[in-house]
Amino acid sequence: MPELPEVETTCRSLRPYLQNRRIAWVKVLQPRLRLPVDAGLPQRLQNQTITRVERRAKYILITLKSGLIWAFHLGMSGKLIHANADMPRVKHDHIVVRLDNQRELRYHDPRRFGLSFVVSWDELLKLPQMARLGLDPFNSQFDGDYLYAFTRRSRRRIRDLLLDQQIVAGIGNIYANEILFRVRVRPTRRSRTLPRAAVDALAGTTRRVLREAIRWCGTSFSDYRDADDKHGAFQNHLRVYDREAETCRQCRTLIKRVALGNRSAFYCPSCQK
């Protein structure tokens, strides 16, 4: 699933193509996504001018001049591609948007687990999935004090706490594993056993790992692409995630994998305690 760096990269790559462009028309070729696409979406978007493209957690928010927000969640396999209008459409192109410069924005999603909807700003803030979001890691209030307020009273594994979108908005399994390797903490460790210094390090490292991943345009294993349909490159710099039985790049110990819930966690038994 695209996480914060992939969604941020998508937003950055979309901005030069979408900002100040007018939407000529929209075609919904497949409305059956995670939630059905509203039949009135094309009419609400037609002739609207795009003013901003921003990210909130793992959501892409396209602001229109009218004040409406066109929101996307990429789900497991979604991508938003900017293309020439004469480029042949492919299977799983579910939403096609013609812009006033005769270019197109296409939402492609083989697993159809993404979302696309249009709401006012007030309506957006009241949606349960938005109202319950925790702090973005790049929010100035995200620091050791903030995280320690949760870790010191939680019996959950620290990997699971980092994945809780009501605490940290935007982090998924890839980056939780990578962050914990950098601070030398095992993903299975109980949150409340972490000393304050480790939690401070966790907050700072979270930002550093995410910035690094954004610099490499995110992680591409299979489906993820940016608006130019290009792969990210952070998969070439992963320290533990998806590296079971490979050697640790720091100590040469074999990386291990453990199942936590319905996700795998990866760690170095020597570097992480």
C-alpha atoms as a PDB file:
ATOM      1  CA  MET A   1       0.000   0.000   0.000  1.00  0.00           C
ATOM      2  CA  PRO A   2       1.371   3.461  -0.856  1.00  0.00           C
ATOM      3  CA  GLU A   3       2.453   5.169   2.363  1.00  0.00           C
ATOM      4  CA  LEU A   4       3.278   8.772   3.210  1.00  0.00           C
ATOM      5  CA  PRO A   5       6.406   9.064   0.974  1.00  0.00           C
ATOM      6  CA  GLU A   6       4.625   7.577  -2.040  1.00  0.00           C
ATOM      7  CA  VAL A   7       1.569   9.797  -1.594  1.00  0.00           C
ATOM      8  CA  GLU A   8       3.750  12.880  -1.064  1.00  0.00           C
ATOM      9  CA  THR A   9       5.754  12.016  -4.186  1.00  0.00           C
ATOM     10  CA  THR A  10       2.536  11.606  -6.163  1.00  0.00           C
ATOM     11  CA  CYS A  11       1.305  15.029  -5.007  1.00  0.00           C
ATOM     12  CA  ARG A  12       4.597  16.710  -5.907  1.00  0.00           C
ATOM     13  CA  SER A  13       4.644  15.131  -9.352  1.00  0.00           C
ATOM     14  CA  LEU A  14       0.993  16.047 -10.011  1.00  0.00           C
ATOM     15  CA  ARG A  15       1.190  19.742  -9.038  1.00  0.00           C
ATOM     16  CA  PRO A  16       2.858  21.110 -12.190  1.00  0.00           C
ATOM     17  CA  TYR A  17       0.339  19.238 -14.341  1.00  0.00           C
ATOM     18  CA  LEU A  18      -2.855  20.039 -12.431  1.00  0.00           C
ATOM     19  CA  GLN A  19      -2.590  23.410 -10.673  1.00  0.00           C
ATOM     20  CA  ASN A  20      -4.575  26.133 -12.466  1.00  0.00           C
ATOM     21  CA  ARG A  21      -5.894  23.656 -15.017  1.00  0.00           C
ATOM     22  CA  ARG A  22      -9.607  23.392 -15.781  1.00  0.00           C
ATOM     23  CA  ILE A  23     -11.351  20.022 -15.853  1.00  0.00           C
ATOM     24  CA  ALA A  24     -13.100  19.634 -19.235  1.00  0.00           C
ATOM     25  CA  TRP A  25     -14.839  16.352 -18.434  1.00  0.00           C
ATOM     26  CA  VAL A  26     -14.627  13.218 -16.287  1.00  0.00           C
ATOM     27  CA  LYS A  27     -15.510   9.635 -17.203  1.00  0.00           C
ATOM     28  CA  VAL A  28     -15.931   6.959 -14.540  1.00  0.00           C
ATOM     29  CA  LEU A  29     -15.264   3.689 -16.355  1.00  0.00           C
ATOM     30  CA  GLN A  30     -15.462   1.508 -13.238  1.00  0.00           C
ATOM     31  CA  PRO A  31     -17.370   2.883 -10.232  1.00  0.00           C
ATOM     32  CA  ARG A  32     -16.841  -0.160  -8.005  1.00  0.00           C
ATOM     33  CA  LEU A  33     -13.897   0.863  -5.863  1.00  0.00           C
ATOM     34  CA  ARG A  34     -13.631   0.266  -2.097  1.00  0.00           C
ATOM     35  CA  LEU A  35     -16.744   2.428  -1.911  1.00  0.00           C
ATOM     36  CA  PRO A  36     -18.790   3.053  -5.082  1.00  0.00           C
ATOM     37  CA  VAL A  37     -17.907   6.266  -6.901  1.00  0.00           C
ATOM     38  CA  ASP A  38     -20.792   8.741  -6.681  1.00  0.00           C
ATOM     39  CA  ALA A  39     -22.684   8.832 -10.004  1.00  0.00           C
ATOM     40  CA  GLY A  40     -22.767  12.632  -9.739  1.00  0.00           C
ATOM     41  CA  LEU A  41     -18.976  13.000  -9.485  1.00  0.00           C
ATOM     42  CA  PRO A  42     -18.412  13.835 -13.194  1.00  0.00           C
ATOM     43  CA  GLN A  43     -21.015  16.607 -13.114  1.00  0.00           C
ATOM     44  CA  ARG A  44     -19.598  18.094  -9.905  1.00  0.00           C
ATOM     45  CA  LEU A  45     -16.094  18.207 -11.399  1.00  0.00           C
ATOM     46  CA  GLN A  46     -16.851  19.413 -14.926  1.00  0.00           C
ATOM     47  CA  ASN A  47     -15.473  22.921 -15.645  1.00  0.00           C
ATOM     48  CA  GLN A  48     -13.915  23.158 -12.178  1.00  0.00           C
ATOM     49  CA  THR A  49     -10.463  24.737 -11.899  1.00  0.00           C
ATOM     50  CA  ILE A  50      -7.806  23.012  -9.767  1.00  0.00           C
ATOM     51  CA  THR A  51      -6.010  25.352  -7.375  1.00  0.00           C
ATOM     52  CA  ARG A  52      -3.963  23.058  -5.109  1.00  0.00           C
ATOM     53  CA  VAL A  53      -2.763  19.459  -4.764  1.00  0.00           C
ATOM     54  CA  GLU A  54      -1.941  18.475  -1.185  1.00  0.00           C
ATOM     55  CA  ARG A  55      -1.538  15.456   1.056  1.00  0.00           C
ATOM     56  CA  ARG A  56      -3.219  14.582   4.355  1.00  0.00           C
ATOM     57  CA  ALA A  57      -1.841  11.326   5.770  1.00  0.00           C
ATOM     58  CA  LYS A  58      -2.287   8.860   2.871  1.00  0.00           C
ATOM     59  CA  TYR A  59      -4.961  10.947   1.119  1.00  0.00           C
ATOM     60  CA  ILE A  60      -4.440  13.123  -1.957  1.00  0.00           C
ATOM     61  CA  LEU A  61      -6.546  16.277  -1.725  1.00  0.00           C
ATOM     62  CA  ILE A  62      -7.206  18.199  -4.945  1.00  0.00           C
ATOM     63  CA  THR A  63      -8.678  21.600  -4.083  1.00  0.00           C
ATOM     64  CA  LEU A  64     -11.009  23.227  -6.613  1.00  0.00           C
ATOM     65  CA  LYS A  65     -11.619  26.944  -7.093  1.00  0.00           C
ATOM     66  CA  SER A  66     -15.227  26.470  -5.951  1.00  0.00           C
ATOM     67  CA  GLY A  67     -13.972  25.296  -2.554  1.00  0.00           C
ATOM     68  CA  LEU A  68     -14.778  21.620  -3.147  1.00  0.00           C
ATOM     69  CA  ILE A  69     -12.169  18.971  -2.359  1.00  0.00           C
ATOM     70  CA  TRP A  70     -11.609  16.021  -4.680  1.00  0.00           C
ATOM     71  CA  ALA A  71     -10.037  13.320  -2.508  1.00  0.00           C
ATOM     72  CA  PHE A  72      -8.225  10.137  -3.498  1.00  0.00           C
ATOM     73  CA  HIS A  73      -6.902   7.246  -1.468  1.00  0.00           C
ATOM     74  CA  LEU A  74      -4.707   4.950  -3.555  1.00  0.00           C
ATOM     75  CA  GLY A  75      -5.640   1.812  -1.635  1.00  0.00           C
ATOM     76  CA  MET A  76      -3.368  -1.178  -2.251  1.00  0.00           C
ATOM     77  CA  SER A  77      -2.516  -0.680  -5.909  1.00  0.00           C
ATOM     78  CA  GLY A  78      -3.827   2.679  -7.112  1.00  0.00           C
ATOM     79  CA  LYS A  79      -1.896   5.314  -9.041  1.00  0.00           C
ATOM     80  CA  LEU A  80      -2.717   8.665 -10.653  1.00  0.00           C
ATOM     81  CA  ILE A  81      -1.004   9.049 -14.018  1.00  0.00           C
ATOM     82  CA  HIS A  82      -0.721  12.167 -16.184  1.00  0.00           C
ATOM     83  CA  ALA A  83      -0.861  11.127 -19.843  1.00  0.00           C
ATOM     84  CA  ASN A  84      -1.290  12.346 -23.394  1.00  0.00           C
ATOM     85  CA  ALA A  85      -4.912  12.038 -24.475  1.00  0.00           C
ATOM     86  CA  ASP A  86      -3.918   9.851 -27.440  1.00  0.00           C
ATOM     87  CA  MET A  87      -2.101   7.339 -25.236  1.00  0.00           C
ATOM     88  CA  PRO A  88      -4.102   4.079 -25.294  1.00  0.00           C
ATOM     89  CA  ARG A  89      -6.015   3.386 -22.126  1.00  0.00           C
ATOM     90  CA  VAL A  90      -5.241   0.141 -20.361  1.00  0.00           C
ATOM     91  CA  LYS A  91      -7.145  -2.359 -18.259  1.00  0.00           C
ATOM     92  CA  HIS A  92      -7.907  -1.024 -14.761  1.00  0.00           C
ATOM     93  CA  ASP A  93      -7.984   2.643 -15.826  1.00  0.00           C
ATOM     94  CA  HIS A  94     -11.133   3.379 -13.815  1.00  0.00           C
ATOM     95  CA  ILE A  95     -11.410   7.187 -13.885  1.00  0.00           C
ATOM     96  CA  VAL A  96     -10.318   9.400 -16.795  1.00  0.00           C
ATOM     97  CA  VAL A  97     -10.131  13.199 -16.493  1.00  0.00           C
ATOM     98  CA  ARG A  98      -9.668  15.401 -19.558  1.00  0.00           C
ATOM     99  CA  LEU A  99      -7.963  18.715 -18.780  1.00  0.00           C
ATOM    100  CA  ASP A 100      -8.289  21.975 -20.696  1.00  0.00           C
ATOM    101  CA  ASN A 101      -4.885  21.448 -22.340  1.00  0.00           C
ATOM    102  CA  GLN A 102      -6.038  18.142 -23.866  1.00  0.00           C
ATOM    103  CA  ARG A 103      -3.971  16.101 -21.428  1.00  0.00           C
ATOM    104  CA  GLU A 104      -5.479  13.479 -19.132  1.00  0.00           C
ATOM    105  CA  LEU A 105      -5.329  12.352 -15.536  1.00  0.00           C
ATOM    106  CA  ARG A 106      -6.052   8.638 -15.156  1.00  0.00           C
ATOM    107  CA  TYR A 107      -6.790   6.706 -11.986  1.00  0.00           C
ATOM    108  CA  HIS A 108      -5.518   3.140 -12.370  1.00  0.00           C
ATOM    109  CA  ASP A 109      -6.239   0.526  -9.684  1.00  0.00           C
ATOM    110  CA  PRO A 110      -6.068  -3.252 -10.380  1.00  0.00           C
ATOM    111  CA  ARG A 111      -7.317  -4.257  -6.924  1.00  0.00           C
ATOM    112  CA  ARG A 112      -9.987  -1.530  -6.802  1.00  0.00           C
ATOM    113  CA  PHE A 113      -9.330  -0.851  -3.128  1.00  0.00           C
ATOM    114  CA  GLY A 114      -8.896   2.897  -3.550  1.00  0.00           C
ATOM    115  CA  LEU A 115     -11.336   5.754  -3.006  1.00  0.00           C
ATOM    116  CA  SER A 116     -12.405   8.819  -4.984  1.00  0.00           C
ATOM    117  CA  PHE A 117     -14.972  11.317  -3.721  1.00  0.00           C
ATOM    118  CA  VAL A 118     -15.850  15.022  -3.790  1.00  0.00           C
ATOM    119  CA  VAL A 119     -16.833  16.920  -0.637  1.00  0.00           C
ATOM    120  CA  SER A 120     -16.743  20.417   0.810  1.00  0.00           C
ATOM    121  CA  TRP A 121     -13.892  21.239   3.196  1.00  0.00           C
ATOM    122  CA  ASP A 122     -16.254  21.137   6.188  1.00  0.00           C
ATOM    123  CA  GLU A 123     -17.601  17.755   5.101  1.00  0.00           C
ATOM    124  CA  LEU A 124     -14.061  16.442   4.656  1.00  0.00           C
ATOM    125  CA  LEU A 125     -13.056  17.349   8.206  1.00  0.00           C
ATOM    126  CA  LYS A 126     -16.118  15.567   9.588  1.00  0.00           C
ATOM    127  CA  LEU A 127     -15.446  12.271   7.804  1.00  0.00           C
ATOM    128  CA  PRO A 128     -14.532   9.615  10.399  1.00  0.00           C
ATOM    129  CA  GLN A 129     -11.326   8.639   8.597  1.00  0.00           C
ATOM    130  CA  MET A 130     -10.175  12.270   8.639  1.00  0.00           C
ATOM    131  CA  ALA A 131     -11.487  13.361  12.035  1.00  0.00           C
ATOM    132  CA  ARG A 132      -9.656  10.535  13.793  1.00  0.00           C
ATOM    133  CA  LEU A 133      -6.243  11.031  12.161  1.00  0.00           C
ATOM    134  CA  GLY A 134      -3.302  11.600  14.459  1.00  0.00           C
ATOM    135  CA  LEU A 135      -0.459  14.035  13.842  1.00  0.00           C
ATOM    136  CA  ASP A 136       1.402  14.077  10.566  1.00  0.00           C
ATOM    137  CA  PRO A 137       5.093  13.282  11.208  1.00  0.00           C
ATOM    138  CA  PHE A 138       6.025  16.623   9.635  1.00  0.00           C
ATOM    139  CA  ASN A 139       3.741  18.556  11.956  1.00  0.00           C
ATOM    140  CA  SER A 140       5.790  20.761  14.293  1.00  0.00           C
ATOM    141  CA  GLN A 141       3.966  19.217  17.278  1.00  0.00           C
ATOM    142  CA  PHE A 142       5.161  15.717  16.402  1.00  0.00           C
ATOM    143  CA  ASP A 143       8.058  15.163  18.815  1.00  0.00           C
ATOM    144  CA  GLY A 144       9.230  13.021  21.693  1.00  0.00           C
ATOM    145  CA  ASP A 145       6.716  14.573  24.078  1.00  0.00           C
ATOM    146  CA  TYR A 146       3.854  13.691  21.768  1.00  0.00           C
ATOM    147  CA  LEU A 147       4.951  10.091  21.183  1.00  0.00           C
ATOM    148  CA  TYR A 148       5.904   9.435  24.799  1.00  0.00           C
ATOM    149  CA  ALA A 149       2.382  10.336  25.910  1.00  0.00           C
ATOM    150  CA  PHE A 150       1.239   7.232  23.977  1.00  0.00           C
ATOM    151  CA  THR A 151       4.147   4.820  24.452  1.00  0.00           C
ATOM    152  CA  ARG A 152       4.459   5.124  28.239  1.00  0.00           C
ATOM    153  CA  ARG A 153       0.953   3.755  28.816  1.00  0.00           C
ATOM    154  CA  SER A 154       0.644   1.295  25.932  1.00  0.00           C
ATOM    155  CA  ARG A 155       1.149  -2.470  26.103  1.00  0.00           C
ATOM    156  CA  ARG A 156       1.119  -2.713  22.322  1.00  0.00           C
ATOM    157  CA  ARG A 157       4.163  -3.644  20.296  1.00  0.00           C
ATOM    158  CA  ILE A 158       5.951  -0.523  19.125  1.00  0.00           C
ATOM    159  CA  ARG A 159       5.547  -1.506  15.446  1.00  0.00           C
ATOM    160  CA  ASP A 160       1.780  -1.658  15.928  1.00  0.00           C
ATOM    161  CA  LEU A 161       1.696   1.680  17.723  1.00  0.00           C
ATOM    162  CA  LEU A 162       3.501   3.348  14.802  1.00  0.00           C
ATOM    163  CA  LEU A 163       0.932   1.886  12.401  1.00  0.00           C
ATOM    164  CA  ASP A 164      -1.979   3.374  14.353  1.00  0.00           C
ATOM    165  CA  GLN A 165      -3.248   6.173  12.109  1.00  0.00           C
ATOM    166  CA  GLN A 166      -4.924   7.811  15.101  1.00  0.00           C
ATOM    167  CA  ILE A 167      -1.454   8.388  16.574  1.00  0.00           C
ATOM    168  CA  VAL A 168       0.865   8.855  13.580  1.00  0.00           C
ATOM    169  CA  ALA A 169      -0.838   9.663  10.285  1.00  0.00           C
ATOM    170  CA  GLY A 170       0.677   8.214   7.135  1.00  0.00           C
ATOM    171  CA  ILE A 171       3.148   5.580   8.299  1.00  0.00           C
ATOM    172  CA  GLY A 172       2.687   2.016   7.066  1.00  0.00           C
ATOM    173  CA  ASN A 173       4.543  -1.234   7.555  1.00  0.00           C
ATOM    174  CA  ILE A 174       7.514  -0.512   5.289  1.00  0.00           C
ATOM    175  CA  TYR A 175       8.556   2.658   7.056  1.00  0.00           C
ATOM    176  CA  ALA A 176       7.691   1.466  10.564  1.00  0.00           C
ATOM    177  CA  ASN A 177      10.180  -1.381  10.077  1.00  0.00           C
ATOM    178  CA  GLU A 178      12.840   0.915   8.657  1.00  0.00           C
ATOM    179  CA  ILE A 179      12.423   3.523  11.400  1.00  0.00           C
ATOM    180  CA  LEU A 180      12.738   0.894  14.145  1.00  0.00           C
ATOM    181  CA  PHE A 181      15.918  -0.484  12.612  1.00  0.00           C
ATOM    182  CA  ARG A 182      17.476   2.976  12.651  1.00  0.00           C
ATOM    183  CA  VAL A 183      16.722   3.420  16.369  1.00  0.00           C
ATOM    184  CA  ARG A 184      17.858  -0.177  17.120  1.00  0.00           C
ATOM    185  CA  VAL A 185      14.519  -1.268  18.603  1.00  0.00           C
ATOM    186  CA  ARG A 186      12.820  -4.553  17.717  1.00  0.00           C
ATOM    187  CA  PRO A 187       9.305  -4.257  16.248  1.00  0.00           C
ATOM    188  CA  THR A 188       8.040  -6.715  18.885  1.00  0.00           C
ATOM    189  CA  ARG A 189       9.125  -4.618  21.851  1.00  0.00           C
ATOM    190  CA  ARG A 190       6.327  -3.387  24.095  1.00  0.00           C
ATOM    191  CA  SER A 191       5.860   0.345  23.742  1.00  0.00           C
ATOM    192  CA  ARG A 192       5.797   1.152  27.440  1.00  0.00           C
ATOM    193  CA  THR A 193       9.241  -0.428  27.986  1.00  0.00           C
ATOM    194  CA  LEU A 194      10.952   2.183  25.811  1.00  0.00           C
ATOM    195  CA  PRO A 195      12.940   4.777  27.764  1.00  0.00           C
ATOM    196  CA  ARG A 196      12.277   8.427  27.072  1.00  0.00           C
ATOM    197  CA  ALA A 197      15.554   8.843  25.154  1.00  0.00           C
ATOM    198  CA  ALA A 198      14.544   6.063  22.762  1.00  0.00           C
ATOM    199  CA  VAL A 199      11.167   7.693  22.127  1.00  0.00           C
ATOM    200  CA  ASP A 200      12.867  11.033  21.407  1.00  0.00           C
ATOM    201  CA  ALA A 201      15.128   9.247  18.924  1.00  0.00           C
ATOM    202  CA  LEU A 202      12.098   7.529  17.404  1.00  0.00           C
ATOM    203  CA  ALA A 203      10.369  10.854  16.703  1.00  0.00           C
ATOM    204  CA  GLY A 204      13.425  12.405  15.055  1.00  0.00           C
ATOM    205  CA  THR A 205      14.270   9.278  13.070  1.00  0.00           C
ATOM    206  CA  THR A 206      10.714   9.049  11.757  1.00  0.00           C
ATOM    207  CA  ARG A 207      11.120  12.388  10.007  1.00  0.00           C
ATOM    208  CA  ARG A 208      14.595  11.534   8.702  1.00  0.00           C
ATOM    209  CA  VAL A 209      13.543   8.196   7.200  1.00  0.00           C
ATOM    210  CA  LEU A 210      10.452   9.702   5.568  1.00  0.00           C
ATOM    211  CA  ARG A 211      12.457  12.603   4.108  1.00  0.00           C
ATOM    212  CA  GLU A 212      14.996  10.151   2.728  1.00  0.00           C
ATOM    213  CA  ALA A 213      12.242   8.038   1.158  1.00  0.00           C
ATOM    214  CA  ILE A 214      10.647  11.125  -0.407  1.00  0.00           C
ATOM    215  CA  ARG A 215      14.037  12.137  -1.797  1.00  0.00           C
ATOM    216  CA  TRP A 216      14.155   8.740  -3.542  1.00  0.00           C
ATOM    217  CA  CYS A 217      10.522   9.178  -4.709  1.00  0.00           C
ATOM    218  CA  GLY A 218       9.140   6.403  -2.525  1.00  0.00           C
ATOM    219  CA  THR A 219       9.305   2.613  -2.586  1.00  0.00           C
ATOM    220  CA  SER A 220       8.190   0.592  -5.619  1.00  0.00           C
ATOM    221  CA  PHE A 221       7.821  -3.162  -5.309  1.00  0.00           C
ATOM    222  CA  SER A 222       5.048  -3.731  -7.853  1.00  0.00           C
ATOM    223  CA  ASP A 223       2.201  -1.255  -8.457  1.00  0.00           C
ATOM    224  CA  TYR A 224       3.330   2.125  -7.121  1.00  0.00           C
ATOM    225  CA  ARG A 225       4.288   4.804  -9.688  1.00  0.00           C
ATOM    226  CA  ASP A 226       4.347   8.611  -9.600  1.00  0.00           C
ATOM    227  CA  ALA A 227       2.339  10.869 -11.927  1.00  0.00           C
ATOM    228  CA  ASP A 228       4.874  10.281 -14.724  1.00  0.00           C
ATOM    229  CA  ASP A 229       4.448   6.504 -14.295  1.00  0.00           C
ATOM    230  CA  LYS A 230       7.992   6.234 -12.894  1.00  0.00           C
ATOM    231  CA  HIS A 231       9.138   3.878 -10.154  1.00  0.00           C
ATOM    232  CA  GLY A 232      10.423   5.068  -6.824  1.00  0.00           C
ATOM    233  CA  ALA A 233      13.928   3.984  -5.767  1.00  0.00           C
ATOM    234  CA  PHE A 234      13.867   3.701  -1.973  1.00  0.00           C
ATOM    235  CA  GLN A 235      13.496  -0.086  -2.237  1.00  0.00           C
ATOM    236  CA  ASN A 236      17.211  -0.083  -3.097  1.00  0.00           C
ATOM    237  CA  HIS A 237      18.012   1.512   0.271  1.00  0.00           C
ATOM    238  CA  LEU A 238      15.866  -0.575   2.630  1.00  0.00           C
ATOM    239  CA  ARG A 239      17.795  -1.911   5.638  1.00  0.00           C
ATOM    240  CA  VAL A 240      15.391  -4.635   6.829  1.00  0.00           C
ATOM    241  CA  TYR A 241      11.974  -4.561   5.160  1.00  0.00           C
ATOM    242  CA  ASP A 242      11.419  -7.546   2.824  1.00  0.00           C
ATOM    243  CA  ARG A 243      15.036  -8.691   3.373  1.00  0.00           C
ATOM    244  CA  GLU A 244      14.430 -11.914   5.314  1.00  0.00           C
ATOM    245  CA  ALA A 245      17.546 -14.166   5.336  1.00  0.00           C
ATOM    246  CA  GLU A 246      19.669 -11.452   3.733  1.00  0.00           C
ATOM    247  CA  THR A 247      22.615 -10.063   5.682  1.00  0.00           C
ATOM    248  CA  CYS A 248      22.305  -6.904   7.735  1.00  0.00           C
ATOM    249  CA  ARG A 249      24.185  -4.080   6.053  1.00  0.00           C
ATOM    250  CA  GLN A 250      25.646  -3.035   9.399  1.00  0.00           C
ATOM    251  CA  CYS A 251      26.638  -6.262  11.155  1.00  0.00           C
ATOM    252  CA  ARG A 252      26.180  -9.078   8.591  1.00  0.00           C
ATOM    253  CA  THR A 253      23.684 -10.938  10.792  1.00  0.00           C
ATOM    254  CA  LEU A 254      20.798 -12.531   8.872  1.00  0.00           C
ATOM    255  CA  ILE A 255      17.600 -10.460   8.842  1.00  0.00           C
ATOM    256  CA  LYS A 256      14.624 -12.196  10.446  1.00  0.00           C
ATOM    257  CA  ARG A 257      10.898 -11.978   9.788  1.00  0.00           C
ATOM    258  CA  VAL A 258       8.101 -12.396  12.302  1.00  0.00           C
ATOM    259  CA  ALA A 259       4.338 -12.321  11.722  1.00  0.00           C
ATOM    260  CA  LEU A 260       2.589  -9.633  13.763  1.00  0.00           C
ATOM    261  CA  GLY A 261      -1.129  -9.759  13.141  1.00  0.00           C
ATOM    262  CA  ASN A 262      -1.701  -9.940   9.396  1.00  0.00           C
ATOM    263  CA  ARG A 263       1.602  -8.210   8.512  1.00  0.00           C
ATOM    264  CA  SER A 264       5.241  -9.261   8.550  1.00  0.00           C
ATOM    265  CA  ALA A 265       7.840  -7.403  10.595  1.00  0.00           C
ATOM    266  CA  PHE A 266      11.553  -7.514   9.734  1.00  0.00           C
ATOM    267  CA  TYR A 267      14.485  -6.891  12.041  1.00  0.00           C
ATOM    268  CA  CYS A 268      18.161  -7.591  12.706  1.00  0.00           C
ATOM    269  CA  PRO A 269      18.514  -9.747  15.850  1.00  0.00           C
ATOM    270  CA  SER A 270      21.931  -8.252  16.545  1.00  0.00           C
ATOM    271  CA  CYS A 271      21.349  -4.540  15.895  1.00  0.00           C
ATOM    272  CA  GLN A 272      17.848  -4.340  17.373  1.00  0.00           C
ATOM    273  CA  LYS A 273      17.083  -5.107  21.019  1.00  0.00           C
END
